[in-house]
Amino acid sequence: MPASYEAALAELEQLVARIESGQLPLEDMLAAYQRGAALLAFCRSRLEAVQEQIKVLDGGQLQPWTQE
């Protein structure tokens, strides 16, 4: 597992760039795709966990994000 959401996202971006380059051998592309799927699942789970924590802090309702 990645150390953090940011580390997972950075690795995922690198994998996407390598896959999109079209220069990976087929087996390496498959391995990169599988790793990317695992990283994506990790990122989604971290985002969902943060969203649940925000709901708790906001009394059960997710508030819209506003920048001031």
C-alpha atoms as a PDB file:
ATOM      1  CA  MET A   1       0.000   0.000   0.000  1.00  0.00           C
ATOM      2  CA  PRO A   2       1.136   3.546  -0.658  1.00  0.00           C
ATOM      3  CA  ALA A   3       2.207   5.711   2.250  1.00  0.00           C
ATOM      4  CA  SER A   4      -0.477   8.325   1.530  1.00  0.00           C
ATOM      5  CA  TYR A   5      -3.170   9.463  -0.852  1.00  0.00           C
ATOM      6  CA  GLU A   6      -0.703  11.901  -2.414  1.00  0.00           C
ATOM      7  CA  ALA A   7       1.900   9.170  -2.967  1.00  0.00           C
ATOM      8  CA  ALA A   8      -0.713   6.912  -4.567  1.00  0.00           C
ATOM      9  CA  LEU A   9      -1.928   9.704  -6.829  1.00  0.00           C
ATOM     10  CA  ALA A  10       1.622  10.560  -7.930  1.00  0.00           C
ATOM     11  CA  GLU A  11       2.362   6.910  -8.733  1.00  0.00           C
ATOM     12  CA  LEU A  12      -0.943   6.591 -10.580  1.00  0.00           C
ATOM     13  CA  GLU A  13      -0.126   9.644 -12.714  1.00  0.00           C
ATOM     14  CA  GLN A  14       3.275   8.141 -13.591  1.00  0.00           C
ATOM     15  CA  LEU A  15       1.671   4.838 -14.551  1.00  0.00           C
ATOM     16  CA  VAL A  16      -0.878   6.550 -16.776  1.00  0.00           C
ATOM     17  CA  ALA A  17       1.894   8.461 -18.544  1.00  0.00           C
ATOM     18  CA  ARG A  18       3.852   5.232 -19.109  1.00  0.00           C
ATOM     19  CA  ILE A  19       0.789   3.402 -20.422  1.00  0.00           C
ATOM     20  CA  GLU A  20      -0.186   6.289 -22.698  1.00  0.00           C
ATOM     21  CA  SER A  21       3.344   6.450 -24.126  1.00  0.00           C
ATOM     22  CA  GLY A  22       2.634   3.198 -25.943  1.00  0.00           C
ATOM     23  CA  GLN A  23       6.203   2.052 -25.379  1.00  0.00           C
ATOM     24  CA  LEU A  24       5.583  -0.594 -22.717  1.00  0.00           C
ATOM     25  CA  PRO A  25       5.722  -4.263 -23.636  1.00  0.00           C
ATOM     26  CA  LEU A  26       2.324  -5.933 -23.334  1.00  0.00           C
ATOM     27  CA  GLU A  27       3.094  -7.743 -20.064  1.00  0.00           C
ATOM     28  CA  ASP A  28       4.453  -4.564 -18.494  1.00  0.00           C
ATOM     29  CA  MET A  29       1.363  -2.685 -19.646  1.00  0.00           C
ATOM     30  CA  LEU A  30      -0.868  -5.285 -18.002  1.00  0.00           C
ATOM     31  CA  ALA A  31       1.124  -5.072 -14.755  1.00  0.00           C
ATOM     32  CA  ALA A  32       0.936  -1.267 -14.860  1.00  0.00           C
ATOM     33  CA  TYR A  33      -2.821  -1.436 -15.449  1.00  0.00           C
ATOM     34  CA  GLN A  34      -3.280  -3.813 -12.501  1.00  0.00           C
ATOM     35  CA  ARG A  35      -1.178  -1.599 -10.229  1.00  0.00           C
ATOM     36  CA  GLY A  36      -3.128   1.433 -11.423  1.00  0.00           C
ATOM     37  CA  ALA A  37      -6.426  -0.269 -10.581  1.00  0.00           C
ATOM     38  CA  ALA A  38      -5.149  -1.020  -7.062  1.00  0.00           C
ATOM     39  CA  LEU A  39      -3.959   2.580  -6.624  1.00  0.00           C
ATOM     40  CA  LEU A  40      -7.283   3.918  -7.851  1.00  0.00           C
ATOM     41  CA  ALA A  41      -9.151   1.735  -5.357  1.00  0.00           C
ATOM     42  CA  PHE A  42      -6.852   2.980  -2.572  1.00  0.00           C
ATOM     43  CA  CYS A  43      -7.462   6.629  -3.536  1.00  0.00           C
ATOM     44  CA  ARG A  44     -11.222   6.121  -3.686  1.00  0.00           C
ATOM     45  CA  SER A  45     -11.284   4.461  -0.277  1.00  0.00           C
ATOM     46  CA  ARG A  46      -9.242   7.288   1.247  1.00  0.00           C
ATOM     47  CA  LEU A  47     -11.574   9.905  -0.268  1.00  0.00           C
ATOM     48  CA  GLU A  48     -14.638   8.057   1.021  1.00  0.00           C
ATOM     49  CA  ALA A  49     -13.093   7.830   4.513  1.00  0.00           C
ATOM     50  CA  VAL A  50     -12.397  11.561   4.536  1.00  0.00           C
ATOM     51  CA  GLN A  51     -15.907  12.287   3.288  1.00  0.00           C
ATOM     52  CA  GLU A  52     -17.364  10.216   6.146  1.00  0.00           C
ATOM     53  CA  GLN A  53     -15.206  12.070   8.680  1.00  0.00           C
ATOM     54  CA  ILE A  54     -16.437  15.393   7.290  1.00  0.00           C
ATOM     55  CA  LYS A  55     -20.042  14.222   7.613  1.00  0.00           C
ATOM     56  CA  VAL A  56     -19.437  13.421  11.271  1.00  0.00           C
ATOM     57  CA  LEU A  57     -17.898  16.827  11.853  1.00  0.00           C
ATOM     58  CA  ASP A  58     -20.796  18.539  10.055  1.00  0.00           C
ATOM     59  CA  GLY A  59     -23.491  16.738  12.060  1.00  0.00           C
ATOM     60  CA  GLY A  60     -24.317  14.029   9.542  1.00  0.00           C
ATOM     61  CA  GLN A  61     -24.616  16.174   6.429  1.00  0.00           C
ATOM     62  CA  LEU A  62     -21.966  16.840   3.847  1.00  0.00           C
ATOM     63  CA  GLN A  63     -21.789  20.581   3.354  1.00  0.00           C
ATOM     64  CA  PRO A  64     -21.020  22.111  -0.035  1.00  0.00           C
ATOM     65  CA  TRP A  65     -17.452  23.306  -0.439  1.00  0.00           C
ATOM     66  CA  THR A  66     -17.126  27.062  -0.626  1.00  0.00           C
ATOM     67  CA  GLN A  67     -13.945  29.024  -1.083  1.00  0.00           C
ATOM     68  CA  GLU A  68     -13.827  32.386   0.552  1.00  0.00           C
END
